[in-house]
């Protein structure tokens, strides 16, 4: 019997300054991943979500 994987959603409430800081950090992290030839799909999704609130 399989256990279903349920994902718990997490919500993060940020003001504009905090969102900008998170966005800058995600972009730096994405650049590091690209330098290592690693996938950036998840980081790309987060960048889009954070940039929507700015």
Protein backbone atom coordinates (compact mmCIF):
# COMPACT_ATOMS: atom_id res chain seq x y z
CA UNK A 1 0.00 0.00 0.00
CA UNK A 2 1.35 3.41 -0.95
CA UNK A 3 1.29 6.43 1.24
CA UNK A 4 0.19 9.50 -0.58
CA UNK A 5 2.58 12.39 -0.40
CA UNK A 6 0.78 15.46 0.71
CA UNK A 7 2.60 18.73 0.38
CA UNK A 8 2.06 21.28 3.05
CA UNK A 9 1.90 24.77 1.66
CA UNK A 10 3.92 27.44 3.38
CA UNK A 11 3.10 31.11 3.12
CA UNK A 12 5.65 33.83 3.62
CA UNK A 13 4.55 37.40 4.17
CA UNK A 14 7.18 39.92 3.12
CA UNK A 15 7.26 43.68 2.77
CA UNK A 16 8.82 45.17 -0.38
CA UNK A 17 12.32 45.46 1.09
CA UNK A 18 12.29 41.87 2.30
CA UNK A 19 10.95 40.63 -1.04
CA UNK A 20 13.75 42.46 -2.89
CA UNK A 21 16.34 40.91 -0.59
CA UNK A 22 14.91 37.42 -1.14
CA UNK A 23 14.80 38.02 -4.90
CA UNK A 24 18.45 39.15 -4.99
CA UNK A 25 19.48 36.10 -2.97
CA UNK A 26 17.56 33.74 -5.25
CA UNK A 27 19.20 35.27 -8.32
CA UNK A 28 22.66 34.84 -6.75
CA UNK A 29 21.80 31.24 -5.89
CA UNK A 30 20.58 30.59 -9.43
CA UNK A 31 23.83 31.97 -10.84
CA UNK A 32 25.85 29.65 -8.61
CA UNK A 33 23.79 26.67 -9.73
CA UNK A 34 24.30 27.62 -13.38
CA UNK A 35 28.06 27.84 -12.85
CA UNK A 36 27.93 24.29 -11.51
CA UNK A 37 25.82 23.11 -14.49
CA UNK A 38 22.93 22.21 -12.20
CA UNK A 39 19.21 22.57 -12.78
CA UNK A 40 17.59 25.85 -11.78
CA UNK A 41 13.92 25.03 -12.39
CA UNK A 42 12.81 25.24 -8.76
CA UNK A 43 14.71 28.46 -8.18
CA UNK A 44 13.19 29.91 -11.36
CA UNK A 45 9.71 29.18 -10.02
CA UNK A 46 10.50 30.91 -6.74
CA UNK A 47 11.95 33.91 -8.53
CA UNK A 48 8.72 34.28 -10.50
CA UNK A 49 6.57 33.99 -7.39
CA UNK A 50 8.59 36.54 -5.45
CA UNK A 51 8.78 38.97 -8.38
CA UNK A 52 4.99 38.92 -8.71
CA UNK A 53 4.63 40.75 -5.40
CA UNK A 54 7.01 43.56 -6.37
